Amino acid sequence: MRSKFRGCLLGCAVGDALGSSWGEFSGRWTDDTHMMMGLAESLVERGGFDGEHLMRTFIRNYEEEPWRGYASGPPTIFSMVRRGVSWKEASKRLFGGTGSFGNGAAMRVAPVGLLYYDRPEELRRVAEEQALLTHSHELGREGAVLQARAVSLALTARPPSLFDPHDFLEELQAFTVHPVYREKLGRVERLLEGGRPGEVVRELGNGVEAHRSVPTAICSFLLNFRSFEASLLYATGLGGDRDTIGAMTGALSGAYHGEGGIPAEWRERVERRERLERLADQLWGLKLRGG
């Protein structure tokens, strides 16, 4: 299981790096992995979810490396919090008060899927609460919940010879409460019968919106569940927001295959590999202690 925890965090970073440097694997990742690591750091340091601590961690990491490719939303929120706006309220002021339904809360949520893999209701609560820091729209929040649950299911899924993608989808459809995501997962089910990349993009999307990228990452994993490499090449080859779709697909496939399933060249070249491995080990240690 520790190998799967490592595979998930490394897979997220590898997918992010592959998607952001399409054509040559540089190993350099973006804000997707940066925020995922911040979430893992906060969970480890606080022994679970602490919203105020997590916001401080996000702000600290952003101010240390603002060049990671952050979209406008998080830095705007960080600035508001710095000016005294409550961390609980800042994200609700974006986009005329509707909040963001982007995929930023889902791209970073993998550590929640790991830590609460056997406690689905706690997983839902923490995935949604961490989303609220930056993505208060219901689609942004539920996208994070769905990705976290998918990570937990990939972590505990049967080996390839016994794995059934349809059963995996059935679990996700039963867990999500939002009709948009239920409908999208229904499309994923149909696409499992030989859907081509162009059809996947038309049916599911490849954009920055959570509902146009989280189902796409799940589909990329399920269509290529036998191979981490195949799943990542497929996901990043769909175009659009490929670093985030790659990061989410990598987290799923890495949780399924473990660190040994990631090609050695990618695993060894990914930026801050040892830090990612250490965070995964700390999450696993927290889980063993009852986290």
C-alpha atoms as a PDB file:
ATOM      1  CA  MET A   1       0.000   0.000   0.000  1.00  0.00           C
ATOM      2  CA  ARG A   2       2.877   2.396   0.678  1.00  0.00           C
ATOM      3  CA  SER A   3       4.030   1.852  -2.902  1.00  0.00           C
ATOM      4  CA  LYS A   4       0.550   2.832  -4.092  1.00  0.00           C
ATOM      5  CA  PHE A   5       0.603   5.996  -1.980  1.00  0.00           C
ATOM      6  CA  ARG A   6       3.936   6.856  -3.588  1.00  0.00           C
ATOM      7  CA  GLY A   7       2.642   5.942  -7.016  1.00  0.00           C
ATOM      8  CA  CYS A   8      -0.311   8.289  -6.612  1.00  0.00           C
ATOM      9  CA  LEU A   9       1.709  11.387  -5.695  1.00  0.00           C
ATOM     10  CA  LEU A  10       4.500  10.629  -8.154  1.00  0.00           C
ATOM     11  CA  GLY A  11       1.921   9.831 -10.821  1.00  0.00           C
ATOM     12  CA  CYS A  12       0.217  13.176 -10.291  1.00  0.00           C
ATOM     13  CA  ALA A  13       3.539  14.993 -10.723  1.00  0.00           C
ATOM     14  CA  VAL A  14       4.580  12.919 -13.728  1.00  0.00           C
ATOM     15  CA  GLY A  15       1.244  13.509 -15.473  1.00  0.00           C
ATOM     16  CA  ASP A  16       1.446  17.222 -14.752  1.00  0.00           C
ATOM     17  CA  ALA A  17       5.010  17.408 -16.054  1.00  0.00           C
ATOM     18  CA  LEU A  18       4.246  15.351 -19.149  1.00  0.00           C
ATOM     19  CA  GLY A  19       1.209  17.448 -19.967  1.00  0.00           C
ATOM     20  CA  SER A  20       2.995  20.756 -19.470  1.00  0.00           C
ATOM     21  CA  SER A  21       6.013  19.784 -21.595  1.00  0.00           C
ATOM     22  CA  TRP A  22       4.325  17.825 -24.336  1.00  0.00           C
ATOM     23  CA  GLY A  23       6.862  16.328 -26.750  1.00  0.00           C
ATOM     24  CA  GLU A  24       9.701  15.950 -24.251  1.00  0.00           C
ATOM     25  CA  PHE A  25       9.533  14.933 -20.594  1.00  0.00           C
ATOM     26  CA  SER A  26      11.372  17.613 -18.649  1.00  0.00           C
ATOM     27  CA  GLY A  27      10.120  16.520 -15.243  1.00  0.00           C
ATOM     28  CA  ARG A  28       9.120  20.096 -14.367  1.00  0.00           C
ATOM     29  CA  TRP A  29       5.619  20.338 -12.949  1.00  0.00           C
ATOM     30  CA  THR A  30       3.171  23.220 -12.479  1.00  0.00           C
ATOM     31  CA  ASP A  31       0.790  24.626  -9.872  1.00  0.00           C
ATOM     32  CA  ASP A  32      -1.214  21.383 -10.071  1.00  0.00           C
ATOM     33  CA  THR A  33       1.484  19.424  -8.257  1.00  0.00           C
ATOM     34  CA  HIS A  34       2.526  22.432  -6.175  1.00  0.00           C
ATOM     35  CA  MET A  35      -0.950  22.694  -4.632  1.00  0.00           C
ATOM     36  CA  MET A  36      -1.273  18.911  -4.284  1.00  0.00           C
ATOM     37  CA  MET A  37       1.946  18.918  -2.275  1.00  0.00           C
ATOM     38  CA  GLY A  38       0.655  21.808  -0.153  1.00  0.00           C
ATOM     39  CA  LEU A  39      -2.467  19.817   0.663  1.00  0.00           C
ATOM     40  CA  ALA A  40      -0.381  16.763   1.577  1.00  0.00           C
ATOM     41  CA  GLU A  41       1.934  18.894   3.729  1.00  0.00           C
ATOM     42  CA  SER A  42      -0.962  20.377   5.648  1.00  0.00           C
ATOM     43  CA  LEU A  43      -2.682  17.026   6.203  1.00  0.00           C
ATOM     44  CA  VAL A  44       0.567  15.575   7.554  1.00  0.00           C
ATOM     45  CA  GLU A  45       1.457  18.550   9.740  1.00  0.00           C
ATOM     46  CA  ARG A  46      -2.021  18.851  11.267  1.00  0.00           C
ATOM     47  CA  GLY A  47      -2.896  15.153  11.330  1.00  0.00           C
ATOM     48  CA  GLY A  48      -5.921  15.804   9.114  1.00  0.00           C
ATOM     49  CA  PHE A  49      -7.800  18.707   7.599  1.00  0.00           C
ATOM     50  CA  ASP A  50      -7.298  22.202   9.020  1.00  0.00           C
ATOM     51  CA  GLY A  51      -8.643  24.846   6.643  1.00  0.00           C
ATOM     52  CA  GLU A  52      -6.816  27.819   8.088  1.00  0.00           C
ATOM     53  CA  HIS A  53      -3.499  25.958   8.124  1.00  0.00           C
ATOM     54  CA  LEU A  54      -4.074  24.749   4.574  1.00  0.00           C
ATOM     55  CA  MET A  55      -4.711  28.279   3.356  1.00  0.00           C
ATOM     56  CA  ARG A  56      -1.522  29.484   5.022  1.00  0.00           C
ATOM     57  CA  THR A  57       0.366  26.627   3.391  1.00  0.00           C
ATOM     58  CA  PHE A  58      -1.036  27.475  -0.047  1.00  0.00           C
ATOM     59  CA  ILE A  59      -0.115  31.146   0.385  1.00  0.00           C
ATOM     60  CA  ARG A  60       3.394  30.351   1.604  1.00  0.00           C
ATOM     61  CA  ASN A  61       4.076  27.960  -1.266  1.00  0.00           C
ATOM     62  CA  TYR A  62       2.676  30.385  -3.831  1.00  0.00           C
ATOM     63  CA  GLU A  63       4.781  33.275  -2.550  1.00  0.00           C
ATOM     64  CA  GLU A  64       7.901  31.099  -2.691  1.00  0.00           C
ATOM     65  CA  GLU A  65       7.243  29.992  -6.287  1.00  0.00           C
ATOM     66  CA  PRO A  66       4.617  32.184  -7.971  1.00  0.00           C
ATOM     67  CA  TRP A  67       5.949  31.227 -11.413  1.00  0.00           C
ATOM     68  CA  ARG A  68       4.464  27.717 -11.325  1.00  0.00           C
ATOM     69  CA  GLY A  69       1.645  28.680 -13.684  1.00  0.00           C
ATOM     70  CA  TYR A  70      -1.138  29.582 -11.290  1.00  0.00           C
ATOM     71  CA  ALA A  71      -4.377  30.756 -12.878  1.00  0.00           C
ATOM     72  CA  SER A  72      -5.757  34.081 -11.686  1.00  0.00           C
ATOM     73  CA  GLY A  73      -8.204  32.677  -9.123  1.00  0.00           C
ATOM     74  CA  PRO A  74      -5.935  31.351  -6.336  1.00  0.00           C
ATOM     75  CA  PRO A  75      -3.583  34.377  -6.238  1.00  0.00           C
ATOM     76  CA  THR A  76      -6.633  36.668  -6.090  1.00  0.00           C
ATOM     77  CA  ILE A  77      -7.954  34.681  -3.133  1.00  0.00           C
ATOM     78  CA  PHE A  78      -4.545  34.667  -1.452  1.00  0.00           C
ATOM     79  CA  SER A  79      -4.383  38.442  -1.815  1.00  0.00           C
ATOM     80  CA  MET A  80      -7.837  38.842  -0.279  1.00  0.00           C
ATOM     81  CA  VAL A  81      -6.862  36.679   2.687  1.00  0.00           C
ATOM     82  CA  ARG A  82      -3.671  38.692   3.116  1.00  0.00           C
ATOM     83  CA  ARG A  83      -5.863  41.822   3.290  1.00  0.00           C
ATOM     84  CA  GLY A  84      -7.986  40.338   6.054  1.00  0.00           C
ATOM     85  CA  VAL A  85     -10.815  38.527   4.273  1.00  0.00           C
ATOM     86  CA  SER A  86     -11.675  35.268   6.020  1.00  0.00           C
ATOM     87  CA  TRP A  87     -10.225  32.163   4.388  1.00  0.00           C
ATOM     88  CA  LYS A  88     -13.739  30.713   4.630  1.00  0.00           C
ATOM     89  CA  GLU A  89     -15.262  33.517   2.553  1.00  0.00           C
ATOM     90  CA  ALA A  90     -12.675  34.647   0.004  1.00  0.00           C
ATOM     91  CA  SER A  91     -13.436  32.107  -2.741  1.00  0.00           C
ATOM     92  CA  LYS A  92     -17.147  32.993  -2.659  1.00  0.00           C
ATOM     93  CA  ARG A  93     -16.345  36.468  -3.987  1.00  0.00           C
ATOM     94  CA  LEU A  94     -14.987  35.210  -7.314  1.00  0.00           C
ATOM     95  CA  PHE A  95     -16.950  35.464 -10.566  1.00  0.00           C
ATOM     96  CA  GLY A  96     -19.687  37.697  -9.266  1.00  0.00           C
ATOM     97  CA  GLY A  97     -20.285  35.614  -6.184  1.00  0.00           C
ATOM     98  CA  THR A  98     -20.866  32.273  -7.938  1.00  0.00           C
ATOM     99  CA  GLY A  99     -17.406  30.941  -7.171  1.00  0.00           C
ATOM    100  CA  SER A 100     -15.163  28.959  -9.492  1.00  0.00           C
ATOM    101  CA  PHE A 101     -16.138  25.670 -11.136  1.00  0.00           C
ATOM    102  CA  GLY A 102     -12.626  25.130 -12.454  1.00  0.00           C
ATOM    103  CA  ASN A 103     -10.653  21.946 -11.883  1.00  0.00           C
ATOM    104  CA  GLY A 104      -8.151  23.412  -9.408  1.00  0.00           C
ATOM    105  CA  ALA A 105      -9.676  21.726  -6.363  1.00  0.00           C
ATOM    106  CA  ALA A 106      -9.767  18.358  -8.150  1.00  0.00           C
ATOM    107  CA  MET A 107      -6.226  18.517  -9.517  1.00  0.00           C
ATOM    108  CA  ARG A 108      -4.778  18.705  -5.982  1.00  0.00           C
ATOM    109  CA  VAL A 109      -7.148  16.395  -4.077  1.00  0.00           C
ATOM    110  CA  ALA A 110      -5.282  13.075  -4.435  1.00  0.00           C
ATOM    111  CA  PRO A 111      -3.886  13.106  -0.848  1.00  0.00           C
ATOM    112  CA  VAL A 112      -7.465  13.195   0.473  1.00  0.00           C
ATOM    113  CA  GLY A 113      -8.332  10.140  -1.609  1.00  0.00           C
ATOM    114  CA  LEU A 114      -5.358   8.340  -0.079  1.00  0.00           C
ATOM    115  CA  LEU A 115      -5.791   9.318   3.549  1.00  0.00           C
ATOM    116  CA  TYR A 116      -9.534   8.601   3.657  1.00  0.00           C
ATOM    117  CA  TYR A 117      -9.716   5.761   1.143  1.00  0.00           C
ATOM    118  CA  ASP A 118     -11.619   3.503   3.547  1.00  0.00           C
ATOM    119  CA  ARG A 119     -13.879   6.238   4.997  1.00  0.00           C
ATOM    120  CA  PRO A 120     -15.939   7.502   2.049  1.00  0.00           C
ATOM    121  CA  GLU A 121     -18.108   9.963   3.958  1.00  0.00           C
ATOM    122  CA  GLU A 122     -15.078  11.524   5.625  1.00  0.00           C
ATOM    123  CA  LEU A 123     -13.439  11.603   2.198  1.00  0.00           C
ATOM    124  CA  ARG A 124     -16.424  13.521   0.844  1.00  0.00           C
ATOM    125  CA  ARG A 125     -16.368  16.015   3.705  1.00  0.00           C
ATOM    126  CA  VAL A 126     -12.643  16.755   3.492  1.00  0.00           C
ATOM    127  CA  ALA A 127     -12.550  16.836  -0.316  1.00  0.00           C
ATOM    128  CA  GLU A 128     -15.356  19.368  -0.321  1.00  0.00           C
ATOM    129  CA  GLU A 129     -13.951  21.471   2.518  1.00  0.00           C
ATOM    130  CA  GLN A 130     -10.506  21.738   0.930  1.00  0.00           C
ATOM    131  CA  ALA A 131     -12.219  22.693  -2.339  1.00  0.00           C
ATOM    132  CA  LEU A 132     -14.075  25.546  -0.667  1.00  0.00           C
ATOM    133  CA  LEU A 133     -10.827  27.419  -0.064  1.00  0.00           C
ATOM    134  CA  THR A 134     -10.615  28.245  -3.778  1.00  0.00           C
ATOM    135  CA  HIS A 135     -13.612  26.698  -5.590  1.00  0.00           C
ATOM    136  CA  SER A 136     -16.965  27.386  -3.950  1.00  0.00           C
ATOM    137  CA  HIS A 137     -19.156  26.550  -6.978  1.00  0.00           C
ATOM    138  CA  GLU A 138     -20.964  23.221  -6.605  1.00  0.00           C
ATOM    139  CA  LEU A 139     -19.402  21.846  -9.796  1.00  0.00           C
ATOM    140  CA  GLY A 140     -15.906  22.679  -8.596  1.00  0.00           C
ATOM    141  CA  ARG A 141     -16.565  21.097  -5.205  1.00  0.00           C
ATOM    142  CA  GLU A 142     -18.194  17.943  -6.555  1.00  0.00           C
ATOM    143  CA  GLY A 143     -15.430  17.531  -9.115  1.00  0.00           C
ATOM    144  CA  ALA A 144     -12.937  17.357  -6.246  1.00  0.00           C
ATOM    145  CA  VAL A 145     -15.139  14.857  -4.400  1.00  0.00           C
ATOM    146  CA  LEU A 146     -15.411  12.659  -7.491  1.00  0.00           C
ATOM    147  CA  GLN A 147     -11.668  12.687  -8.174  1.00  0.00           C
ATOM    148  CA  ALA A 148     -10.857  11.886  -4.537  1.00  0.00           C
ATOM    149  CA  ARG A 149     -13.274   8.948  -4.572  1.00  0.00           C
ATOM    150  CA  ALA A 150     -11.811   7.719  -7.855  1.00  0.00           C
ATOM    151  CA  VAL A 151      -8.323   7.789  -6.265  1.00  0.00           C
ATOM    152  CA  SER A 152      -9.592   5.748  -3.311  1.00  0.00           C
ATOM    153  CA  LEU A 153     -11.182   3.181  -5.612  1.00  0.00           C
ATOM    154  CA  ALA A 154      -8.069   2.925  -7.789  1.00  0.00           C
ATOM    155  CA  LEU A 155      -5.981   2.398  -4.664  1.00  0.00           C
ATOM    156  CA  THR A 156      -7.987  -0.662  -3.612  1.00  0.00           C
ATOM    157  CA  ALA A 157      -9.035  -2.005  -7.036  1.00  0.00           C
ATOM    158  CA  ARG A 158      -8.401  -5.549  -8.199  1.00  0.00           C
ATOM    159  CA  PRO A 159      -5.367  -6.386 -10.380  1.00  0.00           C
ATOM    160  CA  PRO A 160      -5.719  -5.981 -14.164  1.00  0.00           C
ATOM    161  CA  SER A 161      -6.738  -9.591 -14.750  1.00  0.00           C
ATOM    162  CA  LEU A 162      -9.791  -9.085 -12.501  1.00  0.00           C
ATOM    163  CA  PHE A 163     -10.462  -5.371 -12.877  1.00  0.00           C
ATOM    164  CA  ASP A 164     -13.807  -4.308 -14.364  1.00  0.00           C
ATOM    165  CA  PRO A 165     -14.025  -0.640 -15.461  1.00  0.00           C
ATOM    166  CA  HIS A 166     -17.817  -0.842 -15.439  1.00  0.00           C
ATOM    167  CA  ASP A 167     -17.852  -1.806 -11.758  1.00  0.00           C
ATOM    168  CA  PHE A 168     -15.511   1.104 -11.039  1.00  0.00           C
ATOM    169  CA  LEU A 169     -17.886   3.508 -12.763  1.00  0.00           C
ATOM    170  CA  GLU A 170     -20.884   2.053 -10.981  1.00  0.00           C
ATOM    171  CA  GLU A 171     -19.206   2.850  -7.641  1.00  0.00           C
ATOM    172  CA  LEU A 172     -18.542   6.427  -8.737  1.00  0.00           C
ATOM    173  CA  GLN A 173     -22.065   6.949 -10.061  1.00  0.00           C
ATOM    174  CA  ALA A 174     -23.489   5.749  -6.761  1.00  0.00           C
ATOM    175  CA  PHE A 175     -21.227   8.150  -4.853  1.00  0.00           C
ATOM    176  CA  THR A 176     -21.659  11.404  -6.744  1.00  0.00           C
ATOM    177  CA  VAL A 177     -24.702  13.491  -5.877  1.00  0.00           C
ATOM    178  CA  HIS A 178     -24.607  15.894  -8.805  1.00  0.00           C
ATOM    179  CA  PRO A 179     -26.662  15.180 -11.948  1.00  0.00           C
ATOM    180  CA  VAL A 180     -24.040  16.742 -14.252  1.00  0.00           C
ATOM    181  CA  TYR A 181     -21.410  14.280 -13.077  1.00  0.00           C
ATOM    182  CA  ARG A 182     -23.798  11.340 -13.146  1.00  0.00           C
ATOM    183  CA  GLU A 183     -24.612  12.173 -16.751  1.00  0.00           C
ATOM    184  CA  LYS A 184     -20.925  12.536 -17.636  1.00  0.00           C
ATOM    185  CA  LEU A 185     -20.092   9.195 -16.027  1.00  0.00           C
ATOM    186  CA  GLY A 186     -22.856   7.656 -18.114  1.00  0.00           C
ATOM    187  CA  ARG A 187     -21.058   8.966 -21.183  1.00  0.00           C
ATOM    188  CA  VAL A 188     -17.802   7.459 -19.907  1.00  0.00           C
ATOM    189  CA  GLU A 189     -19.549   4.091 -19.699  1.00  0.00           C
ATOM    190  CA  ARG A 190     -20.537   4.307 -23.354  1.00  0.00           C
ATOM    191  CA  LEU A 191     -17.054   5.446 -24.351  1.00  0.00           C
ATOM    192  CA  LEU A 192     -15.494   2.371 -22.783  1.00  0.00           C
ATOM    193  CA  GLU A 193     -16.781   0.453 -25.768  1.00  0.00           C
ATOM    194  CA  GLY A 194     -13.968   1.688 -27.996  1.00  0.00           C
ATOM    195  CA  GLY A 195     -14.350   5.455 -27.796  1.00  0.00           C
ATOM    196  CA  ARG A 196     -11.669   7.262 -29.800  1.00  0.00           C
ATOM    197  CA  PRO A 197      -9.819  10.332 -28.482  1.00  0.00           C
ATOM    198  CA  GLY A 198     -11.800  12.752 -30.650  1.00  0.00           C
ATOM    199  CA  GLU A 199     -15.049  11.283 -29.405  1.00  0.00           C
ATOM    200  CA  VAL A 200     -13.855  11.466 -25.785  1.00  0.00           C
ATOM    201  CA  VAL A 201     -13.106  15.178 -26.196  1.00  0.00           C
ATOM    202  CA  ARG A 202     -16.488  15.827 -27.837  1.00  0.00           C
ATOM    203  CA  GLU A 203     -18.443  13.905 -25.212  1.00  0.00           C
ATOM    204  CA  LEU A 204     -16.515  14.786 -22.059  1.00  0.00           C
ATOM    205  CA  GLY A 205     -14.420  17.856 -22.845  1.00  0.00           C
ATOM    206  CA  ASN A 206     -10.805  18.731 -22.171  1.00  0.00           C
ATOM    207  CA  GLY A 207     -11.135  22.187 -20.640  1.00  0.00           C
ATOM    208  CA  VAL A 208     -10.308  23.850 -17.337  1.00  0.00           C
ATOM    209  CA  GLU A 209     -13.828  23.359 -15.966  1.00  0.00           C
ATOM    210  CA  ALA A 210     -14.089  20.520 -13.439  1.00  0.00           C
ATOM    211  CA  HIS A 211     -17.011  18.851 -15.222  1.00  0.00           C
ATOM    212  CA  ARG A 212     -15.090  19.014 -18.522  1.00  0.00           C
ATOM    213  CA  SER A 213     -11.888  17.447 -17.184  1.00  0.00           C
ATOM    214  CA  VAL A 214     -12.463  15.205 -14.149  1.00  0.00           C
ATOM    215  CA  PRO A 215     -14.624  12.694 -16.107  1.00  0.00           C
ATOM    216  CA  THR A 216     -12.056  12.905 -18.919  1.00  0.00           C
ATOM    217  CA  ALA A 217      -9.247  11.884 -16.571  1.00  0.00           C
ATOM    218  CA  ILE A 218     -11.328   9.012 -15.195  1.00  0.00           C
ATOM    219  CA  CYS A 219     -12.061   7.861 -18.746  1.00  0.00           C
ATOM    220  CA  SER A 220      -8.380   8.095 -19.717  1.00  0.00           C
ATOM    221  CA  PHE A 221      -7.466   5.845 -16.805  1.00  0.00           C
ATOM    222  CA  LEU A 222     -10.219   3.308 -17.433  1.00  0.00           C
ATOM    223  CA  LEU A 223      -9.547   3.020 -21.155  1.00  0.00           C
ATOM    224  CA  ASN A 224      -5.890   2.275 -20.397  1.00  0.00           C
ATOM    225  CA  PHE A 225      -5.974   0.733 -16.929  1.00  0.00           C
ATOM    226  CA  ARG A 226      -3.395  -1.932 -17.783  1.00  0.00           C
ATOM    227  CA  SER A 227      -0.567   0.568 -18.307  1.00  0.00           C
ATOM    228  CA  PHE A 228       0.454   3.754 -16.487  1.00  0.00           C
ATOM    229  CA  GLU A 229       2.390   4.914 -19.529  1.00  0.00           C
ATOM    230  CA  ALA A 230      -0.506   4.308 -21.921  1.00  0.00           C
ATOM    231  CA  SER A 231      -2.960   6.139 -19.679  1.00  0.00           C
ATOM    232  CA  LEU A 232      -0.711   9.212 -19.434  1.00  0.00           C
ATOM    233  CA  LEU A 233       0.087   9.354 -23.139  1.00  0.00           C
ATOM    234  CA  TYR A 234      -3.620   9.040 -23.889  1.00  0.00           C
ATOM    235  CA  ALA A 235      -4.672  11.715 -21.390  1.00  0.00           C
ATOM    236  CA  THR A 236      -2.066  14.286 -22.391  1.00  0.00           C
ATOM    237  CA  GLY A 237      -2.702  13.558 -26.052  1.00  0.00           C
ATOM    238  CA  LEU A 238      -6.280  14.806 -25.757  1.00  0.00           C
ATOM    239  CA  GLY A 239      -5.087  18.417 -25.816  1.00  0.00           C
ATOM    240  CA  GLY A 240      -6.773  21.237 -23.950  1.00  0.00           C
ATOM    241  CA  ASP A 241      -5.853  21.473 -20.271  1.00  0.00           C
ATOM    242  CA  ARG A 242      -3.499  18.576 -20.656  1.00  0.00           C
ATOM    243  CA  ASP A 243      -1.289  19.196 -17.620  1.00  0.00           C
ATOM    244  CA  THR A 244      -4.262  19.016 -15.244  1.00  0.00           C
ATOM    245  CA  ILE A 245      -5.943  16.110 -17.033  1.00  0.00           C
ATOM    246  CA  GLY A 246      -2.532  14.434 -17.011  1.00  0.00           C
ATOM    247  CA  ALA A 247      -2.082  15.121 -13.295  1.00  0.00           C
ATOM    248  CA  MET A 248      -5.480  13.668 -12.390  1.00  0.00           C
ATOM    249  CA  THR A 249      -5.019  10.644 -14.655  1.00  0.00           C
ATOM    250  CA  GLY A 250      -1.525  10.108 -13.250  1.00  0.00           C
ATOM    251  CA  ALA A 251      -2.840  10.171  -9.691  1.00  0.00           C
ATOM    252  CA  LEU A 252      -5.427   7.505 -10.563  1.00  0.00           C
ATOM    253  CA  SER A 253      -3.088   5.273 -12.527  1.00  0.00           C
ATOM    254  CA  GLY A 254      -0.289   5.716 -10.001  1.00  0.00           C
ATOM    255  CA  ALA A 255      -2.599   4.751  -7.146  1.00  0.00           C
ATOM    256  CA  TYR A 256      -3.593   1.662  -9.118  1.00  0.00           C
ATOM    257  CA  HIS A 257      -0.168   0.465 -10.295  1.00  0.00           C
ATOM    258  CA  GLY A 258       2.064   1.793  -7.508  1.00  0.00           C
ATOM    259  CA  GLU A 259       5.408   3.484  -7.978  1.00  0.00           C
ATOM    260  CA  GLY A 260       6.822   0.444  -9.776  1.00  0.00           C
ATOM    261  CA  GLY A 261       4.281   0.873 -12.561  1.00  0.00           C
ATOM    262  CA  ILE A 262       5.656   4.303 -13.495  1.00  0.00           C
ATOM    263  CA  PRO A 263       8.372   4.124 -16.163  1.00  0.00           C
ATOM    264  CA  ALA A 264      11.745   4.500 -14.448  1.00  0.00           C
ATOM    265  CA  GLU A 265      12.841   7.364 -16.690  1.00  0.00           C
ATOM    266  CA  TRP A 266       9.793   9.421 -15.761  1.00  0.00           C
ATOM    267  CA  ARG A 267       9.896   8.485 -12.099  1.00  0.00           C
ATOM    268  CA  GLU A 268      13.577   9.327 -11.697  1.00  0.00           C
ATOM    269  CA  ARG A 269      13.461  12.579 -13.658  1.00  0.00           C
ATOM    270  CA  VAL A 270      10.390  14.119 -12.088  1.00  0.00           C
ATOM    271  CA  GLU A 271      11.156  17.245 -10.115  1.00  0.00           C
ATOM    272  CA  ARG A 272      11.524  16.814  -6.311  1.00  0.00           C
ATOM    273  CA  ARG A 273      10.966  13.078  -6.500  1.00  0.00           C
ATOM    274  CA  GLU A 274      12.380  12.445  -3.034  1.00  0.00           C
ATOM    275  CA  ARG A 275      10.111  15.093  -1.510  1.00  0.00           C
ATOM    276  CA  LEU A 276       7.084  13.511  -3.176  1.00  0.00           C
ATOM    277  CA  GLU A 277       8.077  10.064  -1.933  1.00  0.00           C
ATOM    278  CA  ARG A 278       8.586  11.399   1.590  1.00  0.00           C
ATOM    279  CA  LEU A 279       5.162  13.067   1.610  1.00  0.00           C
ATOM    280  CA  ALA A 280       3.558   9.827   0.442  1.00  0.00           C
ATOM    281  CA  ASP A 281       5.353   7.899   3.198  1.00  0.00           C
ATOM    282  CA  GLN A 282       4.214  10.467   5.777  1.00  0.00           C
ATOM    283  CA  LEU A 283       0.614  10.166   4.583  1.00  0.00           C
ATOM    284  CA  TRP A 284       0.853   6.397   4.843  1.00  0.00           C
ATOM    285  CA  GLY A 285       2.328   6.709   8.339  1.00  0.00           C
ATOM    286  CA  LEU A 286      -0.515   9.038   9.331  1.00  0.00           C
ATOM    287  CA  LYS A 287      -2.992   6.486   7.988  1.00  0.00           C
ATOM    288  CA  LEU A 288      -1.384   3.707  10.018  1.00  0.00           C
ATOM    289  CA  ARG A 289      -1.730   5.868  13.132  1.00  0.00           C
ATOM    290  CA  GLY A 290      -5.453   6.180  12.529  1.00  0.00           C
ATOM    291  CA  GLY A 291      -5.548   9.368  10.410  1.00  0.00           C
END
